[in-house]
Amino acid sequence: MIRFMEERDLCAVAEIEKGIFSQPWSRDGFYSSMISKDTIYLVVEKDGEIVAYCGLLQALDEADITNVAVKKESRGQGIAFAMLKELMRLGEEKGINAFTLEVRKSNEAALALYEKLGFEVAGIRKNFYDLPKEDAVIMWKY
């Protein structure tokens, strides 16, 4: 079930974040982002457990997809694809017609997912990520 992120989800979301990313967002970071009028945050709940989340930050008619994560044991089931399709659908309802994101250059699975969703490579941000230091691929979908 894909639904809007709620305060009760934040501990689970922060735990997933901590298990995946080298510089994870905190529970409070998610909370302050989630309550902004310029954001949309979603979770995927499966059998009563949060298994994925994503979010975007809107600026006029564009949005930066700020977070995308799926628990390791829930990957390969189409969850990220369905969740991001819903995020972009909701964004379009709010007047967004262009979406952007950054992804680690080495994250081949994510790059393939974003291309499947219609994103195109627009450039590289040198040394964007730390721990380890790595370039980011900038992608856009119009």
N, C-alpha and C. Protein backbone atom coordinates (compact mmCIF):
# COMPACT_ATOMS: atom_id res chain seq x y z
N MET A 1 0.83 -1.17 0.00
CA MET A 1 0.00 0.00 0.00
C MET A 1 0.89 1.25 0.00
N ILE A 2 0.70 2.11 -0.97
CA ILE A 2 1.43 3.38 -1.05
C ILE A 2 0.54 4.45 -0.44
N ARG A 3 1.11 5.21 0.51
CA ARG A 3 0.33 6.25 1.17
C ARG A 3 1.25 7.40 1.58
N PHE A 4 0.64 8.50 1.99
CA PHE A 4 1.42 9.64 2.47
C PHE A 4 2.15 9.26 3.76
N MET A 5 3.38 9.73 3.88
CA MET A 5 4.16 9.53 5.10
C MET A 5 3.49 10.28 6.25
N GLU A 6 3.45 9.64 7.41
CA GLU A 6 2.89 10.24 8.61
C GLU A 6 3.94 10.24 9.71
N GLU A 7 3.70 11.02 10.74
CA GLU A 7 4.67 11.12 11.84
C GLU A 7 4.97 9.74 12.45
N ARG A 8 3.99 8.89 12.52
CA ARG A 8 4.18 7.55 13.11
C ARG A 8 5.13 6.68 12.29
N ASP A 9 5.41 7.07 11.04
CA ASP A 9 6.30 6.31 10.16
C ASP A 9 7.77 6.70 10.32
N LEU A 10 8.03 7.81 10.97
CA LEU A 10 9.37 8.41 10.91
C LEU A 10 10.48 7.56 11.52
N CYS A 11 10.21 6.85 12.58
CA CYS A 11 11.25 5.99 13.16
C CYS A 11 11.63 4.87 12.19
N ALA A 12 10.63 4.25 11.56
CA ALA A 12 10.90 3.19 10.59
C ALA A 12 11.64 3.74 9.37
N VAL A 13 11.23 4.91 8.90
CA VAL A 13 11.88 5.54 7.75
C VAL A 13 13.33 5.85 8.08
N ALA A 14 13.58 6.43 9.24
CA ALA A 14 14.95 6.77 9.64
C ALA A 14 15.80 5.52 9.79
N GLU A 15 15.21 4.43 10.25
CA GLU A 15 15.94 3.17 10.40
C GLU A 15 16.34 2.61 9.03
N ILE A 16 15.42 2.66 8.07
CA ILE A 16 15.74 2.21 6.70
C ILE A 16 16.85 3.10 6.14
N GLU A 17 16.71 4.39 6.31
CA GLU A 17 17.70 5.36 5.81
C GLU A 17 19.08 5.05 6.36
N LYS A 18 19.15 4.78 7.66
CA LYS A 18 20.43 4.50 8.33
C LYS A 18 21.07 3.21 7.80
N GLY A 19 20.24 2.25 7.42
CA GLY A 19 20.75 0.98 6.92
C GLY A 19 21.22 1.02 5.48
N ILE A 20 20.89 2.09 4.74
CA ILE A 20 21.22 2.16 3.31
C ILE A 20 22.27 3.21 3.00
N PHE A 21 22.16 4.38 3.61
CA PHE A 21 22.98 5.52 3.19
C PHE A 21 24.12 5.82 4.16
N SER A 22 25.25 6.24 3.61
CA SER A 22 26.44 6.54 4.43
C SER A 22 26.29 7.84 5.21
N GLN A 23 25.43 8.73 4.75
CA GLN A 23 25.15 9.98 5.47
C GLN A 23 23.63 10.14 5.57
N PRO A 24 23.02 9.35 6.44
CA PRO A 24 21.56 9.30 6.49
C PRO A 24 20.92 10.54 7.07
N TRP A 25 19.70 10.80 6.60
CA TRP A 25 18.86 11.83 7.20
C TRP A 25 18.39 11.31 8.56
N SER A 26 18.14 12.20 9.48
CA SER A 26 17.63 11.83 10.80
C SER A 26 16.10 11.81 10.78
N ARG A 27 15.52 11.27 11.84
CA ARG A 27 14.08 11.30 12.01
C ARG A 27 13.58 12.75 11.96
N ASP A 28 14.28 13.64 12.67
CA ASP A 28 13.87 15.05 12.70
C ASP A 28 14.01 15.71 11.33
N GLY A 29 15.04 15.31 10.57
CA GLY A 29 15.20 15.83 9.22
C GLY A 29 14.03 15.45 8.33
N PHE A 30 13.60 14.19 8.44
CA PHE A 30 12.43 13.76 7.68
C PHE A 30 11.19 14.50 8.14
N TYR A 31 11.03 14.67 9.45
CA TYR A 31 9.85 15.34 9.97
C TYR A 31 9.75 16.77 9.43
N SER A 32 10.84 17.52 9.53
CA SER A 32 10.78 18.92 9.09
C SER A 32 10.54 19.01 7.59
N SER A 33 11.06 18.08 6.82
CA SER A 33 10.80 18.07 5.38
C SER A 33 9.37 17.65 5.08
N MET A 34 8.90 16.64 5.77
CA MET A 34 7.58 16.08 5.52
C MET A 34 6.46 17.10 5.77
N ILE A 35 6.62 17.98 6.75
CA ILE A 35 5.54 18.90 7.10
C ILE A 35 5.53 20.18 6.25
N SER A 36 6.52 20.35 5.39
CA SER A 36 6.57 21.53 4.53
C SER A 36 5.45 21.46 3.49
N LYS A 37 4.90 22.62 3.16
CA LYS A 37 3.84 22.67 2.14
C LYS A 37 4.38 22.41 0.73
N ASP A 38 5.71 22.48 0.57
CA ASP A 38 6.33 22.31 -0.75
C ASP A 38 6.87 20.89 -0.98
N THR A 39 6.45 19.94 -0.14
CA THR A 39 6.95 18.59 -0.28
C THR A 39 5.82 17.58 -0.39
N ILE A 40 6.17 16.43 -0.93
CA ILE A 40 5.31 15.25 -0.92
C ILE A 40 6.21 14.11 -0.45
N TYR A 41 5.80 13.40 0.58
CA TYR A 41 6.53 12.22 1.05
C TYR A 41 5.57 11.04 1.12
N LEU A 42 6.01 9.91 0.57
CA LEU A 42 5.22 8.69 0.54
C LEU A 42 5.97 7.56 1.22
N VAL A 43 5.22 6.59 1.71
CA VAL A 43 5.78 5.34 2.19
C VAL A 43 5.05 4.20 1.52
N VAL A 44 5.70 3.05 1.52
CA VAL A 44 5.06 1.82 1.08
C VAL A 44 4.99 0.92 2.31
N GLU A 45 3.77 0.51 2.63
CA GLU A 45 3.55 -0.36 3.77
C GLU A 45 3.14 -1.73 3.25
N LYS A 46 3.82 -2.76 3.75
CA LYS A 46 3.54 -4.13 3.33
C LYS A 46 3.43 -4.99 4.59
N ASP A 47 2.29 -5.61 4.77
CA ASP A 47 2.05 -6.44 5.96
C ASP A 47 2.33 -5.67 7.25
N GLY A 48 1.90 -4.40 7.29
CA GLY A 48 2.06 -3.59 8.48
C GLY A 48 3.44 -3.02 8.71
N GLU A 49 4.35 -3.21 7.78
CA GLU A 49 5.73 -2.74 7.92
C GLU A 49 6.06 -1.74 6.81
N ILE A 50 6.77 -0.67 7.16
CA ILE A 50 7.25 0.28 6.16
C ILE A 50 8.44 -0.36 5.46
N VAL A 51 8.36 -0.50 4.14
CA VAL A 51 9.44 -1.14 3.39
C VAL A 51 10.11 -0.19 2.40
N ALA A 52 9.51 1.00 2.19
CA ALA A 52 10.08 1.94 1.23
C ALA A 52 9.51 3.33 1.48
N TYR A 53 10.22 4.32 0.97
CA TYR A 53 9.75 5.70 1.06
C TYR A 53 10.40 6.53 -0.03
N CYS A 54 9.78 7.66 -0.32
CA CYS A 54 10.34 8.61 -1.27
C CYS A 54 9.75 9.98 -0.99
N GLY A 55 10.40 10.99 -1.53
CA GLY A 55 9.89 12.34 -1.34
C GLY A 55 10.41 13.29 -2.38
N LEU A 56 9.71 14.41 -2.49
CA LEU A 56 10.16 15.45 -3.41
C LEU A 56 9.96 16.82 -2.77
N LEU A 57 10.72 17.77 -3.28
CA LEU A 57 10.62 19.17 -2.89
C LEU A 57 10.27 19.97 -4.13
N GLN A 58 9.14 20.67 -4.09
CA GLN A 58 8.65 21.44 -5.24
C GLN A 58 9.18 22.87 -5.21
N ALA A 59 9.59 23.35 -6.36
CA ALA A 59 9.95 24.76 -6.57
C ALA A 59 9.25 25.19 -7.86
N LEU A 60 8.17 25.93 -7.71
CA LEU A 60 7.33 26.35 -8.85
C LEU A 60 6.83 25.11 -9.59
N ASP A 61 7.19 24.97 -10.89
CA ASP A 61 6.69 23.82 -11.64
C ASP A 61 7.72 22.71 -11.79
N GLU A 62 8.76 22.74 -10.96
CA GLU A 62 9.79 21.70 -10.96
C GLU A 62 9.88 21.08 -9.57
N ALA A 63 10.43 19.87 -9.52
CA ALA A 63 10.61 19.20 -8.24
C ALA A 63 11.92 18.43 -8.24
N ASP A 64 12.57 18.46 -7.09
CA ASP A 64 13.76 17.66 -6.83
C ASP A 64 13.31 16.44 -6.04
N ILE A 65 13.53 15.26 -6.58
CA ILE A 65 13.24 14.04 -5.83
C ILE A 65 14.40 13.87 -4.86
N THR A 66 14.10 14.05 -3.59
CA THR A 66 15.14 14.14 -2.57
C THR A 66 15.48 12.80 -1.94
N ASN A 67 14.54 11.90 -1.87
CA ASN A 67 14.75 10.62 -1.19
C ASN A 67 14.06 9.50 -1.94
N VAL A 68 14.76 8.39 -2.08
CA VAL A 68 14.18 7.16 -2.60
C VAL A 68 14.91 6.02 -1.90
N ALA A 69 14.17 5.16 -1.23
CA ALA A 69 14.80 4.02 -0.57
C ALA A 69 13.82 2.87 -0.45
N VAL A 70 14.35 1.66 -0.64
CA VAL A 70 13.59 0.43 -0.46
C VAL A 70 14.46 -0.49 0.39
N LYS A 71 13.88 -1.08 1.43
CA LYS A 71 14.62 -2.03 2.26
C LYS A 71 15.24 -3.11 1.38
N LYS A 72 16.44 -3.52 1.72
CA LYS A 72 17.17 -4.48 0.88
C LYS A 72 16.36 -5.73 0.60
N GLU A 73 15.68 -6.26 1.61
CA GLU A 73 14.94 -7.51 1.42
C GLU A 73 13.65 -7.33 0.61
N SER A 74 13.28 -6.10 0.30
CA SER A 74 12.07 -5.84 -0.49
C SER A 74 12.37 -5.37 -1.91
N ARG A 75 13.62 -5.37 -2.28
CA ARG A 75 14.00 -4.91 -3.62
C ARG A 75 13.67 -5.96 -4.67
N GLY A 76 13.58 -5.51 -5.92
CA GLY A 76 13.33 -6.42 -7.04
C GLY A 76 11.88 -6.83 -7.18
N GLN A 77 10.97 -6.12 -6.51
CA GLN A 77 9.55 -6.46 -6.55
C GLN A 77 8.72 -5.37 -7.23
N GLY A 78 9.38 -4.37 -7.81
CA GLY A 78 8.66 -3.29 -8.47
C GLY A 78 8.14 -2.21 -7.54
N ILE A 79 8.55 -2.27 -6.28
CA ILE A 79 8.06 -1.31 -5.28
C ILE A 79 8.52 0.10 -5.62
N ALA A 80 9.81 0.28 -5.90
CA ALA A 80 10.33 1.62 -6.19
C ALA A 80 9.66 2.21 -7.43
N PHE A 81 9.47 1.41 -8.45
CA PHE A 81 8.83 1.88 -9.68
C PHE A 81 7.41 2.39 -9.37
N ALA A 82 6.61 1.58 -8.68
CA ALA A 82 5.23 1.97 -8.38
C ALA A 82 5.19 3.20 -7.48
N MET A 83 6.06 3.23 -6.49
CA MET A 83 6.10 4.35 -5.55
C MET A 83 6.47 5.65 -6.26
N LEU A 84 7.48 5.61 -7.12
CA LEU A 84 7.89 6.82 -7.84
C LEU A 84 6.85 7.26 -8.87
N LYS A 85 6.17 6.32 -9.51
CA LYS A 85 5.08 6.69 -10.43
C LYS A 85 4.00 7.45 -9.67
N GLU A 86 3.66 6.98 -8.47
CA GLU A 86 2.64 7.65 -7.66
C GLU A 86 3.15 9.02 -7.20
N LEU A 87 4.41 9.11 -6.80
CA LEU A 87 4.97 10.40 -6.38
C LEU A 87 4.88 11.41 -7.52
N MET A 88 5.26 11.00 -8.72
CA MET A 88 5.21 11.93 -9.85
C MET A 88 3.77 12.26 -10.25
N ARG A 89 2.87 11.31 -10.13
CA ARG A 89 1.45 11.58 -10.43
C ARG A 89 0.92 12.65 -9.47
N LEU A 90 1.23 12.50 -8.19
CA LEU A 90 0.79 13.49 -7.21
C LEU A 90 1.45 14.84 -7.46
N GLY A 91 2.72 14.81 -7.86
CA GLY A 91 3.42 16.04 -8.20
C GLY A 91 2.77 16.75 -9.38
N GLU A 92 2.42 15.99 -10.40
CA GLU A 92 1.75 16.58 -11.56
C GLU A 92 0.43 17.22 -11.17
N GLU A 93 -0.28 16.62 -10.22
CA GLU A 93 -1.53 17.22 -9.73
C GLU A 93 -1.28 18.58 -9.07
N LYS A 94 -0.07 18.77 -8.54
CA LYS A 94 0.29 20.04 -7.90
C LYS A 94 0.94 21.01 -8.89
N GLY A 95 0.94 20.67 -10.18
CA GLY A 95 1.47 21.55 -11.21
C GLY A 95 2.92 21.33 -11.58
N ILE A 96 3.51 20.26 -11.11
CA ILE A 96 4.91 19.96 -11.45
C ILE A 96 4.96 19.33 -12.83
N ASN A 97 5.84 19.85 -13.70
CA ASN A 97 5.99 19.25 -15.02
C ASN A 97 7.43 18.85 -15.34
N ALA A 98 8.33 18.99 -14.37
CA ALA A 98 9.72 18.55 -14.55
C ALA A 98 10.24 18.04 -13.21
N PHE A 99 10.89 16.90 -13.26
CA PHE A 99 11.44 16.27 -12.05
C PHE A 99 12.93 16.05 -12.25
N THR A 100 13.70 16.28 -11.19
CA THR A 100 15.14 16.04 -11.25
C THR A 100 15.57 15.24 -10.03
N LEU A 101 16.73 14.62 -10.13
CA LEU A 101 17.32 13.89 -9.02
C LEU A 101 18.80 13.69 -9.29
N GLU A 102 19.52 13.34 -8.24
CA GLU A 102 20.91 12.92 -8.36
C GLU A 102 21.02 11.49 -7.86
N VAL A 103 21.91 10.74 -8.47
CA VAL A 103 22.12 9.35 -8.08
C VAL A 103 23.61 9.04 -8.21
N ARG A 104 24.11 8.21 -7.30
CA ARG A 104 25.52 7.82 -7.39
C ARG A 104 25.79 7.18 -8.75
N LYS A 105 26.91 7.56 -9.32
CA LYS A 105 27.29 7.06 -10.65
C LYS A 105 27.40 5.54 -10.67
N SER A 106 27.75 4.94 -9.54
CA SER A 106 27.93 3.48 -9.47
C SER A 106 26.61 2.73 -9.20
N ASN A 107 25.53 3.42 -8.95
CA ASN A 107 24.27 2.76 -8.60
C ASN A 107 23.51 2.37 -9.87
N GLU A 108 23.95 1.29 -10.47
CA GLU A 108 23.40 0.85 -11.75
C GLU A 108 21.92 0.49 -11.67
N ALA A 109 21.50 -0.11 -10.57
CA ALA A 109 20.09 -0.48 -10.44
C ALA A 109 19.20 0.76 -10.42
N ALA A 110 19.62 1.78 -9.67
CA ALA A 110 18.83 3.01 -9.61
C ALA A 110 18.84 3.72 -10.95
N LEU A 111 19.98 3.78 -11.61
CA LEU A 111 20.05 4.42 -12.92
C LEU A 111 19.10 3.74 -13.90
N ALA A 112 19.06 2.41 -13.89
CA ALA A 112 18.15 1.67 -14.78
C ALA A 112 16.70 1.96 -14.43
N LEU A 113 16.38 2.02 -13.14
CA LEU A 113 15.01 2.33 -12.71
C LEU A 113 14.59 3.71 -13.20
N TYR A 114 15.44 4.70 -13.00
CA TYR A 114 15.09 6.07 -13.39
C TYR A 114 14.94 6.19 -14.90
N GLU A 115 15.78 5.50 -15.65
CA GLU A 115 15.64 5.50 -17.11
C GLU A 115 14.32 4.85 -17.52
N LYS A 116 13.95 3.77 -16.85
CA LYS A 116 12.67 3.10 -17.12
C LYS A 116 11.49 4.04 -16.85
N LEU A 117 11.66 4.94 -15.88
CA LEU A 117 10.62 5.91 -15.55
C LEU A 117 10.63 7.13 -16.48
N GLY A 118 11.59 7.19 -17.41
CA GLY A 118 11.63 8.28 -18.37
C GLY A 118 12.63 9.38 -18.07
N PHE A 119 13.45 9.20 -17.05
CA PHE A 119 14.49 10.19 -16.75
C PHE A 119 15.63 10.06 -17.75
N GLU A 120 16.26 11.19 -18.04
CA GLU A 120 17.42 11.22 -18.93
C GLU A 120 18.59 11.88 -18.22
N VAL A 121 19.78 11.41 -18.55
CA VAL A 121 21.00 11.98 -17.96
C VAL A 121 21.20 13.39 -18.50
N ALA A 122 21.45 14.33 -17.57
CA ALA A 122 21.66 15.73 -17.96
C ALA A 122 23.07 16.21 -17.64
N GLY A 123 23.80 15.48 -16.82
CA GLY A 123 25.15 15.89 -16.48
C GLY A 123 25.68 15.14 -15.27
N ILE A 124 26.84 15.58 -14.84
CA ILE A 124 27.53 14.96 -13.70
C ILE A 124 27.87 16.05 -12.69
N ARG A 125 27.67 15.77 -11.41
CA ARG A 125 28.15 16.63 -10.33
C ARG A 125 29.38 15.95 -9.75
N LYS A 126 30.53 16.54 -9.99
CA LYS A 126 31.80 15.96 -9.53
C LYS A 126 31.84 15.92 -8.00
N ASN A 127 32.25 14.79 -7.47
CA ASN A 127 32.48 14.61 -6.03
C ASN A 127 31.28 15.05 -5.18
N PHE A 128 30.09 14.80 -5.66
CA PHE A 128 28.86 15.21 -4.97
C PHE A 128 28.66 14.43 -3.67
N TYR A 129 28.99 13.15 -3.70
CA TYR A 129 28.78 12.29 -2.53
C TYR A 129 30.07 12.12 -1.74
N ASP A 130 29.90 11.93 -0.44
CA ASP A 130 31.00 11.59 0.45
C ASP A 130 30.75 10.18 1.00
N LEU A 131 31.81 9.60 1.52
CA LEU A 131 31.71 8.29 2.22
C LEU A 131 31.05 7.21 1.39
N PRO A 132 31.55 6.75 0.30
CA PRO A 132 32.79 7.21 -0.32
C PRO A 132 32.54 8.39 -1.27
N LYS A 133 33.62 9.10 -1.54
CA LYS A 133 33.57 10.22 -2.50
C LYS A 133 33.21 9.65 -3.87
N GLU A 134 32.20 10.27 -4.49
CA GLU A 134 31.75 9.77 -5.80
C GLU A 134 30.97 10.85 -6.52
N ASP A 135 31.01 10.80 -7.85
CA ASP A 135 30.23 11.71 -8.67
C ASP A 135 28.75 11.32 -8.63
N ALA A 136 27.90 12.32 -8.86
CA ALA A 136 26.47 12.08 -9.01
C ALA A 136 26.08 12.27 -10.46
N VAL A 137 25.18 11.44 -10.91
CA VAL A 137 24.57 11.60 -12.22
C VAL A 137 23.31 12.45 -11.99
N ILE A 138 23.20 13.55 -12.74
CA ILE A 138 22.01 14.40 -12.67
C ILE A 138 21.04 13.92 -13.75
N MET A 139 19.81 13.69 -13.35
CA MET A 139 18.80 13.20 -14.29
C MET A 139 17.56 14.10 -14.23
N TRP A 140 16.90 14.24 -15.38
CA TRP A 140 15.67 15.03 -15.48
C TRP A 140 14.62 14.23 -16.21
N LYS A 141 13.37 14.48 -15.85
CA LYS A 141 12.22 13.96 -16.58
C LYS A 141 11.27 15.14 -16.80
N TYR A 142 10.94 15.38 -18.07
CA TYR A 142 10.05 16.49 -18.41
C TYR A 142 8.69 15.96 -18.83
